[in-house]
Amino acid sequence: MPPTAAPQHRYILFYKPYGVLSAFDDSEGQTTLADYVPFAGVESAGRLDQDSEGLMLLTDDGALAHRLTHPDHKLPKTYLAQVEGVPNETALARLRCGVLVKGKMTAPAEVALLAQEPFLPERLVPIRENAQVPTRWLRIVLREGRKRQVRHMTAAVGYPTLRLLRVAIGPLSLETLQPGEWRELSAEELMTLRRRLYA
């Protein structure tokens, strides 16, 4: 059985907007998590790049954060990636099997080409557009967390990522959150997450 969480711990789901650093302070004065989340002592359990958007879990429970980010536990993370061009079946198969990124093969991933554009909030800074080149959306599920992995993977098969959102971390999802919004996990969500991490 997983250990019982101490009642004083905080578990917060946050929808990180584009352009926000995944940290609570920055010496250069850039926008950080502290501009949105009014709690001291919590840290991000896993990061998103400044130019990526979506779901983050913020907590002061170091043990849970460690299990969440440790590659041994392989908790799936789900992304929506808008790519330049229309990936063909060969490219999709390569992404699913693994591609070479910085001298190392990525682990197998779940990759689906979406039939239509997902309904998402507008990004404050629009993507760069080329009227001559269409874009498509992919749903990608990873069980590893290498730096800028989705962007490196799609670029490796010839379809650069233009916009990237993380929409789920294991059983947790964005649901009704909007960019810049946060909420605390329910007791049921926390129990489900801990069961997945300590199974």
N, C-alpha and C. Protein backbone atom coordinates (compact mmCIF):
# COMPACT_ATOMS: atom_id res chain seq x y z
N MET A 1 0.84 -1.20 0.00
CA MET A 1 0.00 0.00 0.00
C MET A 1 0.88 1.25 0.00
N PRO A 2 0.48 2.29 -0.76
CA PRO A 2 1.27 3.53 -0.74
C PRO A 2 1.15 4.22 0.59
N PRO A 3 2.19 4.93 1.01
CA PRO A 3 2.11 5.66 2.27
C PRO A 3 1.04 6.74 2.19
N THR A 4 0.43 7.02 3.33
CA THR A 4 -0.61 8.05 3.39
C THR A 4 0.03 9.43 3.31
N ALA A 5 -0.55 10.30 2.49
CA ALA A 5 -0.01 11.65 2.35
C ALA A 5 -0.27 12.44 3.61
N ALA A 6 0.72 13.18 4.05
CA ALA A 6 0.53 14.04 5.20
C ALA A 6 -0.48 15.12 4.86
N PRO A 7 -1.38 15.46 5.79
CA PRO A 7 -2.46 16.38 5.47
C PRO A 7 -1.99 17.78 5.12
N GLN A 8 -0.77 18.14 5.52
CA GLN A 8 -0.31 19.50 5.25
C GLN A 8 0.19 19.69 3.82
N HIS A 9 0.35 18.60 3.08
CA HIS A 9 0.85 18.74 1.72
C HIS A 9 -0.18 19.39 0.80
N ARG A 10 0.34 20.08 -0.20
CA ARG A 10 -0.51 20.74 -1.19
C ARG A 10 -0.26 20.12 -2.56
N TYR A 11 -1.34 19.92 -3.32
CA TYR A 11 -1.26 19.35 -4.66
C TYR A 11 -2.11 20.22 -5.58
N ILE A 12 -1.47 20.88 -6.52
CA ILE A 12 -2.14 21.89 -7.34
C ILE A 12 -1.96 21.57 -8.82
N LEU A 13 -3.06 21.57 -9.54
CA LEU A 13 -3.00 21.47 -11.00
C LEU A 13 -3.01 22.87 -11.57
N PHE A 14 -2.10 23.14 -12.49
CA PHE A 14 -1.96 24.47 -13.07
C PHE A 14 -1.88 24.36 -14.59
N TYR A 15 -2.59 25.24 -15.26
CA TYR A 15 -2.53 25.33 -16.73
C TYR A 15 -1.52 26.43 -17.07
N LYS A 16 -0.30 26.00 -17.39
CA LYS A 16 0.76 26.97 -17.69
C LYS A 16 0.53 27.59 -19.07
N PRO A 17 0.46 28.93 -19.11
CA PRO A 17 0.33 29.57 -20.42
C PRO A 17 1.67 29.60 -21.16
N TYR A 18 1.58 29.88 -22.44
CA TYR A 18 2.77 30.08 -23.27
C TYR A 18 3.60 31.24 -22.71
N GLY A 19 4.92 31.07 -22.71
CA GLY A 19 5.82 32.14 -22.31
C GLY A 19 6.12 32.24 -20.83
N VAL A 20 5.54 31.35 -20.02
CA VAL A 20 5.77 31.37 -18.58
C VAL A 20 6.84 30.34 -18.22
N LEU A 21 7.80 30.76 -17.40
CA LEU A 21 8.84 29.83 -16.94
C LEU A 21 8.27 28.84 -15.95
N SER A 22 8.75 27.60 -15.98
CA SER A 22 8.30 26.56 -15.04
C SER A 22 9.09 26.64 -13.74
N ALA A 23 9.15 27.83 -13.17
CA ALA A 23 9.88 28.07 -11.93
C ALA A 23 9.19 29.22 -11.20
N PHE A 24 9.55 29.39 -9.93
CA PHE A 24 8.91 30.44 -9.14
C PHE A 24 9.75 31.70 -9.03
N ASP A 25 10.95 31.70 -9.57
CA ASP A 25 11.75 32.92 -9.57
C ASP A 25 12.64 32.94 -10.79
N ASP A 26 13.03 34.16 -11.17
CA ASP A 26 13.88 34.32 -12.35
C ASP A 26 14.65 35.61 -12.19
N SER A 27 15.96 35.53 -12.33
CA SER A 27 16.82 36.70 -12.13
C SER A 27 16.63 37.75 -13.22
N GLU A 28 16.07 37.35 -14.36
CA GLU A 28 15.90 38.29 -15.46
C GLU A 28 14.52 38.94 -15.49
N GLY A 29 13.71 38.64 -14.50
CA GLY A 29 12.41 39.29 -14.40
C GLY A 29 11.35 38.77 -15.36
N GLN A 30 11.52 37.56 -15.87
CA GLN A 30 10.51 36.99 -16.77
C GLN A 30 9.31 36.48 -15.96
N THR A 31 8.22 36.25 -16.67
CA THR A 31 7.00 35.76 -16.02
C THR A 31 7.22 34.33 -15.52
N THR A 32 6.85 34.07 -14.28
CA THR A 32 7.07 32.77 -13.66
C THR A 32 5.77 32.24 -13.06
N LEU A 33 5.87 31.06 -12.47
CA LEU A 33 4.72 30.46 -11.79
C LEU A 33 4.22 31.34 -10.65
N ALA A 34 5.12 32.09 -10.03
CA ALA A 34 4.74 32.95 -8.91
C ALA A 34 3.76 34.05 -9.32
N ASP A 35 3.72 34.37 -10.60
CA ASP A 35 2.77 35.37 -11.09
C ASP A 35 1.35 34.82 -11.15
N TYR A 36 1.19 33.51 -10.97
CA TYR A 36 -0.13 32.88 -11.09
C TYR A 36 -0.55 32.10 -9.84
N VAL A 37 0.40 31.46 -9.17
CA VAL A 37 0.08 30.56 -8.06
C VAL A 37 0.53 31.18 -6.75
N PRO A 38 -0.40 31.49 -5.84
CA PRO A 38 -0.07 32.27 -4.64
C PRO A 38 0.34 31.44 -3.43
N PHE A 39 1.10 30.37 -3.64
CA PHE A 39 1.49 29.52 -2.52
C PHE A 39 3.00 29.41 -2.44
N ALA A 40 3.52 29.56 -1.24
CA ALA A 40 4.96 29.37 -1.03
C ALA A 40 5.23 27.90 -0.74
N GLY A 41 6.40 27.44 -1.17
CA GLY A 41 6.84 26.09 -0.81
C GLY A 41 6.52 25.00 -1.80
N VAL A 42 5.62 25.26 -2.75
CA VAL A 42 5.34 24.23 -3.76
C VAL A 42 6.31 24.38 -4.92
N GLU A 43 6.60 23.27 -5.57
CA GLU A 43 7.49 23.26 -6.73
C GLU A 43 6.84 22.43 -7.82
N SER A 44 7.31 22.58 -9.04
CA SER A 44 6.76 21.82 -10.14
C SER A 44 7.32 20.40 -10.14
N ALA A 45 6.42 19.43 -10.28
CA ALA A 45 6.82 18.03 -10.39
C ALA A 45 6.95 17.72 -11.88
N GLY A 46 8.08 18.08 -12.44
CA GLY A 46 8.27 17.99 -13.88
C GLY A 46 8.03 19.35 -14.49
N ARG A 47 8.72 19.64 -15.58
CA ARG A 47 8.66 20.98 -16.16
C ARG A 47 8.07 20.97 -17.55
N LEU A 48 7.70 22.17 -17.97
CA LEU A 48 7.34 22.42 -19.36
C LEU A 48 8.23 23.55 -19.86
N ASP A 49 8.65 23.46 -21.11
CA ASP A 49 9.46 24.53 -21.68
C ASP A 49 8.68 25.84 -21.68
N GLN A 50 9.41 26.93 -21.71
CA GLN A 50 8.78 28.25 -21.71
C GLN A 50 7.81 28.41 -22.88
N ASP A 51 8.14 27.82 -24.02
CA ASP A 51 7.29 27.97 -25.20
C ASP A 51 6.26 26.85 -25.34
N SER A 52 6.10 26.04 -24.31
CA SER A 52 5.06 25.02 -24.28
C SER A 52 3.98 25.42 -23.28
N GLU A 53 2.82 24.79 -23.41
CA GLU A 53 1.67 25.13 -22.57
C GLU A 53 1.12 23.87 -21.93
N GLY A 54 0.22 24.07 -20.97
CA GLY A 54 -0.53 22.94 -20.48
C GLY A 54 -0.34 22.58 -19.04
N LEU A 55 -0.63 21.31 -18.75
CA LEU A 55 -0.81 20.83 -17.39
C LEU A 55 0.50 20.67 -16.64
N MET A 56 0.53 21.22 -15.42
CA MET A 56 1.63 21.00 -14.49
C MET A 56 1.04 20.61 -13.14
N LEU A 57 1.77 19.78 -12.40
CA LEU A 57 1.41 19.48 -11.02
C LEU A 57 2.43 20.17 -10.12
N LEU A 58 1.94 21.00 -9.21
CA LEU A 58 2.78 21.71 -8.26
C LEU A 58 2.50 21.15 -6.87
N THR A 59 3.56 20.85 -6.14
CA THR A 59 3.36 20.23 -4.83
C THR A 59 4.56 20.49 -3.92
N ASP A 60 4.32 20.35 -2.62
CA ASP A 60 5.42 20.37 -1.65
C ASP A 60 5.68 18.97 -1.10
N ASP A 61 5.08 17.96 -1.74
CA ASP A 61 5.28 16.56 -1.37
C ASP A 61 6.46 16.03 -2.20
N GLY A 62 7.65 16.10 -1.62
CA GLY A 62 8.85 15.72 -2.36
C GLY A 62 8.88 14.27 -2.79
N ALA A 63 8.36 13.38 -1.94
CA ALA A 63 8.38 11.95 -2.26
C ALA A 63 7.49 11.66 -3.46
N LEU A 64 6.30 12.26 -3.49
CA LEU A 64 5.41 12.03 -4.62
C LEU A 64 5.99 12.66 -5.89
N ALA A 65 6.55 13.86 -5.78
CA ALA A 65 7.14 14.52 -6.94
C ALA A 65 8.26 13.67 -7.52
N HIS A 66 9.07 13.05 -6.66
CA HIS A 66 10.17 12.21 -7.12
C HIS A 66 9.64 11.01 -7.90
N ARG A 67 8.62 10.35 -7.38
CA ARG A 67 8.06 9.19 -8.09
C ARG A 67 7.41 9.62 -9.39
N LEU A 68 6.77 10.78 -9.39
CA LEU A 68 6.09 11.25 -10.59
C LEU A 68 7.08 11.50 -11.73
N THR A 69 8.25 12.00 -11.41
CA THR A 69 9.22 12.36 -12.45
C THR A 69 10.25 11.27 -12.72
N HIS A 70 10.32 10.25 -11.87
CA HIS A 70 11.34 9.22 -12.06
C HIS A 70 10.99 8.32 -13.23
N PRO A 71 11.93 8.08 -14.15
CA PRO A 71 11.62 7.29 -15.34
C PRO A 71 11.23 5.85 -15.05
N ASP A 72 11.60 5.30 -13.90
CA ASP A 72 11.23 3.91 -13.60
C ASP A 72 9.72 3.71 -13.54
N HIS A 73 8.98 4.75 -13.20
CA HIS A 73 7.53 4.60 -13.01
C HIS A 73 6.75 4.80 -14.29
N LYS A 74 7.36 5.44 -15.30
CA LYS A 74 6.79 5.51 -16.65
C LYS A 74 5.33 5.96 -16.66
N LEU A 75 5.00 6.95 -15.85
CA LEU A 75 3.65 7.48 -15.86
C LEU A 75 3.41 8.19 -17.18
N PRO A 76 2.37 7.82 -17.93
CA PRO A 76 2.17 8.42 -19.25
C PRO A 76 1.83 9.90 -19.16
N LYS A 77 2.37 10.65 -20.09
CA LYS A 77 2.04 12.07 -20.22
C LYS A 77 1.55 12.29 -21.64
N THR A 78 0.42 12.97 -21.75
CA THR A 78 -0.25 13.12 -23.04
C THR A 78 -0.11 14.55 -23.54
N TYR A 79 0.28 14.67 -24.81
CA TYR A 79 0.52 15.98 -25.44
C TYR A 79 -0.30 16.11 -26.72
N LEU A 80 -0.65 17.35 -27.03
CA LEU A 80 -1.18 17.69 -28.34
C LEU A 80 -0.14 18.57 -29.02
N ALA A 81 0.28 18.17 -30.20
CA ALA A 81 1.33 18.89 -30.91
C ALA A 81 0.82 19.30 -32.28
N GLN A 82 0.88 20.60 -32.55
CA GLN A 82 0.57 21.10 -33.88
C GLN A 82 1.87 21.14 -34.67
N VAL A 83 1.90 20.40 -35.77
CA VAL A 83 3.14 20.29 -36.54
C VAL A 83 2.98 20.92 -37.91
N GLU A 84 4.11 21.30 -38.46
CA GLU A 84 4.15 21.88 -39.80
C GLU A 84 4.15 20.75 -40.82
N GLY A 85 3.17 20.77 -41.71
CA GLY A 85 3.04 19.71 -42.69
C GLY A 85 2.04 18.66 -42.25
N VAL A 86 1.85 17.65 -43.09
CA VAL A 86 0.91 16.56 -42.82
C VAL A 86 1.70 15.26 -42.72
N PRO A 87 1.94 14.77 -41.50
CA PRO A 87 2.76 13.56 -41.34
C PRO A 87 2.16 12.36 -42.09
N ASN A 88 3.03 11.65 -42.80
CA ASN A 88 2.58 10.45 -43.49
C ASN A 88 2.72 9.24 -42.56
N GLU A 89 2.26 8.10 -43.05
CA GLU A 89 2.26 6.90 -42.20
C GLU A 89 3.68 6.47 -41.83
N THR A 90 4.63 6.70 -42.71
CA THR A 90 6.01 6.34 -42.39
C THR A 90 6.52 7.15 -41.21
N ALA A 91 6.25 8.45 -41.22
CA ALA A 91 6.68 9.32 -40.12
C ALA A 91 5.98 8.93 -38.82
N LEU A 92 4.69 8.64 -38.88
CA LEU A 92 3.95 8.25 -37.68
C LEU A 92 4.49 6.94 -37.12
N ALA A 93 4.81 6.00 -38.00
CA ALA A 93 5.36 4.72 -37.54
C ALA A 93 6.71 4.91 -36.86
N ARG A 94 7.53 5.80 -37.40
CA ARG A 94 8.83 6.08 -36.77
C ARG A 94 8.65 6.68 -35.39
N LEU A 95 7.72 7.61 -35.26
CA LEU A 95 7.47 8.21 -33.96
C LEU A 95 7.01 7.16 -32.95
N ARG A 96 6.16 6.24 -33.41
CA ARG A 96 5.64 5.20 -32.52
C ARG A 96 6.73 4.23 -32.08
N CYS A 97 7.65 3.93 -32.98
CA CYS A 97 8.70 2.94 -32.67
C CYS A 97 9.88 3.55 -31.94
N GLY A 98 10.11 4.84 -32.12
CA GLY A 98 11.26 5.51 -31.53
C GLY A 98 12.14 6.11 -32.60
N VAL A 99 12.66 7.30 -32.32
CA VAL A 99 13.55 7.98 -33.26
C VAL A 99 14.83 8.37 -32.53
N LEU A 100 15.87 8.61 -33.30
CA LEU A 100 17.16 8.97 -32.73
C LEU A 100 17.16 10.46 -32.38
N VAL A 101 17.35 10.76 -31.09
CA VAL A 101 17.41 12.14 -30.61
C VAL A 101 18.68 12.31 -29.80
N LYS A 102 19.57 13.13 -30.30
CA LYS A 102 20.84 13.41 -29.62
C LYS A 102 21.58 12.12 -29.27
N GLY A 103 21.65 11.23 -30.25
CA GLY A 103 22.42 10.00 -30.10
C GLY A 103 21.75 8.88 -29.35
N LYS A 104 20.48 9.05 -28.98
CA LYS A 104 19.79 8.00 -28.22
C LYS A 104 18.38 7.83 -28.75
N MET A 105 17.94 6.58 -28.87
CA MET A 105 16.60 6.31 -29.36
C MET A 105 15.57 6.65 -28.29
N THR A 106 14.47 7.26 -28.72
CA THR A 106 13.36 7.49 -27.80
C THR A 106 12.60 6.18 -27.60
N ALA A 107 11.91 6.09 -26.48
CA ALA A 107 11.10 4.91 -26.20
C ALA A 107 9.87 4.90 -27.10
N PRO A 108 9.28 3.73 -27.32
CA PRO A 108 8.04 3.68 -28.10
C PRO A 108 6.98 4.62 -27.51
N ALA A 109 6.20 5.23 -28.38
CA ALA A 109 5.19 6.19 -27.97
C ALA A 109 3.87 5.89 -28.67
N GLU A 110 2.79 6.35 -28.09
CA GLU A 110 1.49 6.29 -28.74
C GLU A 110 1.32 7.58 -29.54
N VAL A 111 1.07 7.46 -30.82
CA VAL A 111 0.97 8.64 -31.69
C VAL A 111 -0.24 8.48 -32.60
N ALA A 112 -1.09 9.50 -32.62
CA ALA A 112 -2.26 9.49 -33.49
C ALA A 112 -2.38 10.82 -34.21
N LEU A 113 -2.69 10.77 -35.49
CA LEU A 113 -2.97 11.97 -36.27
C LEU A 113 -4.44 12.31 -36.08
N LEU A 114 -4.72 13.50 -35.54
CA LEU A 114 -6.10 13.89 -35.25
C LEU A 114 -6.82 14.25 -36.54
N ALA A 115 -8.08 13.84 -36.62
CA ALA A 115 -8.87 14.10 -37.83
C ALA A 115 -9.24 15.57 -37.96
N GLN A 116 -9.32 16.27 -36.82
CA GLN A 116 -9.66 17.68 -36.86
C GLN A 116 -8.91 18.42 -35.76
N GLU A 117 -8.85 19.72 -35.90
CA GLU A 117 -8.14 20.55 -34.93
C GLU A 117 -8.86 20.51 -33.59
N PRO A 118 -8.14 20.29 -32.49
CA PRO A 118 -8.79 20.27 -31.17
C PRO A 118 -9.27 21.67 -30.78
N PHE A 119 -10.30 21.70 -29.95
CA PHE A 119 -10.82 22.98 -29.46
C PHE A 119 -9.97 23.42 -28.27
N LEU A 120 -9.17 24.45 -28.49
CA LEU A 120 -8.23 24.91 -27.48
C LEU A 120 -8.29 26.43 -27.36
N PRO A 121 -7.90 26.97 -26.20
CA PRO A 121 -7.83 28.43 -26.08
C PRO A 121 -6.81 28.99 -27.06
N GLU A 122 -7.07 30.17 -27.56
CA GLU A 122 -6.12 30.84 -28.43
C GLU A 122 -4.83 31.13 -27.68
N ARG A 123 -3.73 31.03 -28.36
CA ARG A 123 -2.44 31.37 -27.76
C ARG A 123 -2.21 32.87 -27.92
N LEU A 124 -1.72 33.51 -26.87
CA LEU A 124 -1.51 34.95 -26.91
C LEU A 124 -0.53 35.34 -28.02
N VAL A 125 0.50 34.53 -28.19
CA VAL A 125 1.45 34.75 -29.28
C VAL A 125 1.14 33.71 -30.36
N PRO A 126 0.58 34.12 -31.50
CA PRO A 126 0.21 33.15 -32.54
C PRO A 126 1.42 32.37 -33.04
N ILE A 127 1.17 31.17 -33.55
CA ILE A 127 2.25 30.38 -34.15
C ILE A 127 2.66 31.06 -35.46
N ARG A 128 3.89 30.78 -35.88
CA ARG A 128 4.29 31.28 -37.19
C ARG A 128 3.55 30.47 -38.26
N GLU A 129 3.06 31.14 -39.25
CA GLU A 129 2.28 30.46 -40.28
C GLU A 129 2.89 30.66 -41.65
N ASN A 130 2.80 29.62 -42.44
CA ASN A 130 3.21 29.66 -43.83
C ASN A 130 2.00 29.24 -44.66
N ALA A 131 1.46 30.18 -45.42
CA ALA A 131 0.23 29.91 -46.16
C ALA A 131 0.39 28.74 -47.13
N GLN A 132 1.62 28.45 -47.50
CA GLN A 132 1.88 27.37 -48.47
C GLN A 132 1.98 25.99 -47.81
N VAL A 133 2.10 25.98 -46.49
CA VAL A 133 2.31 24.71 -45.79
C VAL A 133 1.19 24.49 -44.76
N PRO A 134 0.42 23.43 -44.90
CA PRO A 134 -0.65 23.16 -43.93
C PRO A 134 -0.06 22.69 -42.60
N THR A 135 -0.89 22.67 -41.57
CA THR A 135 -0.48 22.13 -40.28
C THR A 135 -1.48 21.06 -39.86
N ARG A 136 -1.02 20.14 -39.01
CA ARG A 136 -1.89 19.11 -38.46
C ARG A 136 -1.57 18.92 -36.98
N TRP A 137 -2.51 18.30 -36.27
CA TRP A 137 -2.34 18.04 -34.84
C TRP A 137 -2.11 16.56 -34.59
N LEU A 138 -1.17 16.27 -33.70
CA LEU A 138 -0.89 14.91 -33.25
C LEU A 138 -1.22 14.79 -31.77
N ARG A 139 -1.69 13.62 -31.39
CA ARG A 139 -1.82 13.27 -29.97
C ARG A 139 -0.70 12.28 -29.66
N ILE A 140 0.17 12.66 -28.72
CA ILE A 140 1.36 11.86 -28.42
C ILE A 140 1.38 11.53 -26.93
N VAL A 141 1.54 10.25 -26.63
CA VAL A 141 1.64 9.80 -25.24
C VAL A 141 3.04 9.25 -25.01
N LEU A 142 3.76 9.88 -24.08
CA LEU A 142 5.13 9.47 -23.75
C LEU A 142 5.18 8.84 -22.37
N ARG A 143 6.15 7.96 -22.19
CA ARG A 143 6.41 7.38 -20.87
C ARG A 143 7.85 7.63 -20.43
N GLU A 144 8.42 8.66 -21.01
CA GLU A 144 9.73 9.14 -20.59
C GLU A 144 9.69 10.66 -20.70
N GLY A 145 10.66 11.33 -20.09
CA GLY A 145 10.58 12.77 -20.04
C GLY A 145 11.88 13.47 -20.37
N ARG A 146 12.38 13.26 -21.57
CA ARG A 146 13.62 13.93 -21.97
C ARG A 146 13.33 15.38 -22.37
N LYS A 147 14.34 16.22 -22.25
CA LYS A 147 14.18 17.65 -22.50
C LYS A 147 13.73 17.91 -23.94
N ARG A 148 12.64 18.68 -24.06
CA ARG A 148 12.08 19.07 -25.36
C ARG A 148 11.86 17.86 -26.26
N GLN A 149 11.42 16.76 -25.67
CA GLN A 149 11.37 15.50 -26.39
C GLN A 149 10.41 15.52 -27.57
N VAL A 150 9.19 16.00 -27.36
CA VAL A 150 8.23 15.98 -28.46
C VAL A 150 8.75 16.81 -29.63
N ARG A 151 9.29 17.98 -29.34
CA ARG A 151 9.80 18.84 -30.41
C ARG A 151 10.94 18.17 -31.17
N HIS A 152 11.85 17.52 -30.43
CA HIS A 152 12.94 16.82 -31.09
C HIS A 152 12.43 15.65 -31.94
N MET A 153 11.43 14.95 -31.42
CA MET A 153 10.91 13.78 -32.14
C MET A 153 10.25 14.17 -33.45
N THR A 154 9.37 15.17 -33.41
CA THR A 154 8.67 15.54 -34.65
C THR A 154 9.64 16.16 -35.66
N ALA A 155 10.62 16.91 -35.16
CA ALA A 155 11.62 17.48 -36.07
C ALA A 155 12.43 16.37 -36.73
N ALA A 156 12.72 15.31 -35.98
CA ALA A 156 13.54 14.22 -36.50
C ALA A 156 12.87 13.51 -37.67
N VAL A 157 11.53 13.54 -37.73
CA VAL A 157 10.84 12.88 -38.84
C VAL A 157 10.35 13.90 -39.88
N GLY A 158 10.80 15.16 -39.74
CA GLY A 158 10.54 16.15 -40.78
C GLY A 158 9.32 17.03 -40.60
N TYR A 159 8.75 17.03 -39.38
CA TYR A 159 7.54 17.82 -39.13
C TYR A 159 7.71 18.63 -37.84
N PRO A 160 8.30 19.81 -37.94
CA PRO A 160 8.58 20.60 -36.73
C PRO A 160 7.30 20.94 -35.96
N THR A 161 7.42 20.93 -34.64
CA THR A 161 6.30 21.31 -33.78
C THR A 161 6.18 22.83 -33.71
N LEU A 162 4.97 23.33 -33.94
CA LEU A 162 4.70 24.76 -33.89
C LEU A 162 4.03 25.17 -32.58
N ARG A 163 3.20 24.29 -32.05
CA ARG A 163 2.53 24.55 -30.77
C ARG A 163 2.43 23.24 -30.02
N LEU A 164 2.68 23.30 -28.71
CA LEU A 164 2.71 22.07 -27.91
C LEU A 164 2.00 22.29 -26.58
N LEU A 165 1.07 21.39 -26.28
CA LEU A 165 0.34 21.45 -25.01
C LEU A 165 0.38 20.08 -24.35
N ARG A 166 0.64 20.06 -23.05
CA ARG A 166 0.46 18.83 -22.28
C ARG A 166 -0.95 18.85 -21.70
N VAL A 167 -1.72 17.84 -22.03
CA VAL A 167 -3.12 17.83 -21.62
C VAL A 167 -3.41 16.84 -20.50
N ALA A 168 -2.47 15.93 -20.20
CA ALA A 168 -2.70 14.97 -19.12
C ALA A 168 -1.37 14.47 -18.57
N ILE A 169 -1.39 14.19 -17.26
CA ILE A 169 -0.28 13.54 -16.56
C ILE A 169 -0.89 12.35 -15.85
N GLY A 170 -0.67 11.15 -16.40
CA GLY A 170 -1.32 9.98 -15.83
C GLY A 170 -2.82 10.17 -15.83
N PRO A 171 -3.47 10.01 -14.66
CA PRO A 171 -4.93 10.15 -14.59
C PRO A 171 -5.41 11.60 -14.46
N LEU A 172 -4.50 12.55 -14.39
CA LEU A 172 -4.87 13.96 -14.21
C LEU A 172 -4.94 14.65 -15.56
N SER A 173 -5.94 15.52 -15.74
CA SER A 173 -6.09 16.21 -17.02
C SER A 173 -6.47 17.67 -16.81
N LEU A 174 -6.34 18.43 -17.89
CA LEU A 174 -6.67 19.85 -17.84
C LEU A 174 -8.15 20.09 -17.56
N GLU A 175 -8.99 19.25 -18.12
CA GLU A 175 -10.45 19.39 -17.99
C GLU A 175 -10.87 20.82 -18.29
N THR A 176 -11.47 21.50 -17.30
CA THR A 176 -12.05 22.83 -17.55
C THR A 176 -11.09 23.98 -17.25
N LEU A 177 -9.86 23.69 -16.86
CA LEU A 177 -8.92 24.77 -16.58
C LEU A 177 -8.61 25.57 -17.85
N GLN A 178 -8.44 26.88 -17.66
CA GLN A 178 -8.04 27.77 -18.73
C GLN A 178 -6.61 28.24 -18.47
N PRO A 179 -5.91 28.75 -19.48
CA PRO A 179 -4.53 29.20 -19.26
C PRO A 179 -4.42 30.18 -18.10
N GLY A 180 -3.48 29.87 -17.19
CA GLY A 180 -3.26 30.72 -16.02
C GLY A 180 -4.09 30.32 -14.81
N GLU A 181 -5.01 29.38 -14.97
CA GLU A 181 -5.85 28.96 -13.84
C GLU A 181 -5.24 27.77 -13.12
N TRP A 182 -5.59 27.61 -11.84
CA TRP A 182 -5.14 26.49 -11.04
C TRP A 182 -6.28 26.01 -10.15
N ARG A 183 -6.14 24.79 -9.68
CA ARG A 183 -7.05 24.25 -8.67
C ARG A 183 -6.34 23.17 -7.89
N GLU A 184 -6.83 22.89 -6.70
CA GLU A 184 -6.24 21.83 -5.89
C GLU A 184 -6.83 20.48 -6.29
N LEU A 185 -6.04 19.43 -6.19
CA LEU A 185 -6.53 18.09 -6.47
C LEU A 185 -7.62 17.72 -5.47
N SER A 186 -8.60 17.00 -5.96
CA SER A 186 -9.59 16.43 -5.04
C SER A 186 -8.97 15.22 -4.34
N ALA A 187 -9.58 14.81 -3.25
CA ALA A 187 -9.09 13.63 -2.52
C ALA A 187 -9.12 12.40 -3.42
N GLU A 188 -10.15 12.30 -4.25
CA GLU A 188 -10.26 11.15 -5.16
C GLU A 188 -9.15 11.17 -6.20
N GLU A 189 -8.86 12.34 -6.77
CA GLU A 189 -7.79 12.44 -7.76
C GLU A 189 -6.44 12.08 -7.14
N LEU A 190 -6.19 12.57 -5.94
CA LEU A 190 -4.93 12.27 -5.28
C LEU A 190 -4.80 10.77 -4.99
N MET A 191 -5.88 10.15 -4.56
CA MET A 191 -5.85 8.72 -4.29
C MET A 191 -5.57 7.94 -5.57
N THR A 192 -6.22 8.33 -6.66
CA THR A 192 -6.00 7.65 -7.94
C THR A 192 -4.56 7.80 -8.40
N LEU A 193 -4.02 9.01 -8.28
CA LEU A 193 -2.64 9.25 -8.68
C LEU A 193 -1.68 8.42 -7.85
N ARG A 194 -1.88 8.39 -6.54
CA ARG A 194 -0.97 7.64 -5.68
C ARG A 194 -1.06 6.14 -5.95
N ARG A 195 -2.22 5.65 -6.27
CA ARG A 195 -2.35 4.24 -6.62
C ARG A 195 -1.54 3.91 -7.87
N ARG A 196 -1.59 4.83 -8.86
CA ARG A 196 -0.82 4.61 -10.09
C ARG A 196 0.69 4.64 -9.82
N LEU A 197 1.11 5.58 -8.97
CA LEU A 197 2.54 5.74 -8.73
C LEU A 197 3.12 4.65 -7.84
N TYR A 198 2.31 4.10 -6.96
CA TYR A 198 2.82 3.11 -6.00
C TYR A 198 2.34 1.70 -6.31
N ALA A 199 1.77 1.49 -7.51
CA ALA A 199 1.29 0.16 -7.88
C ALA A 199 2.46 -0.81 -7.98
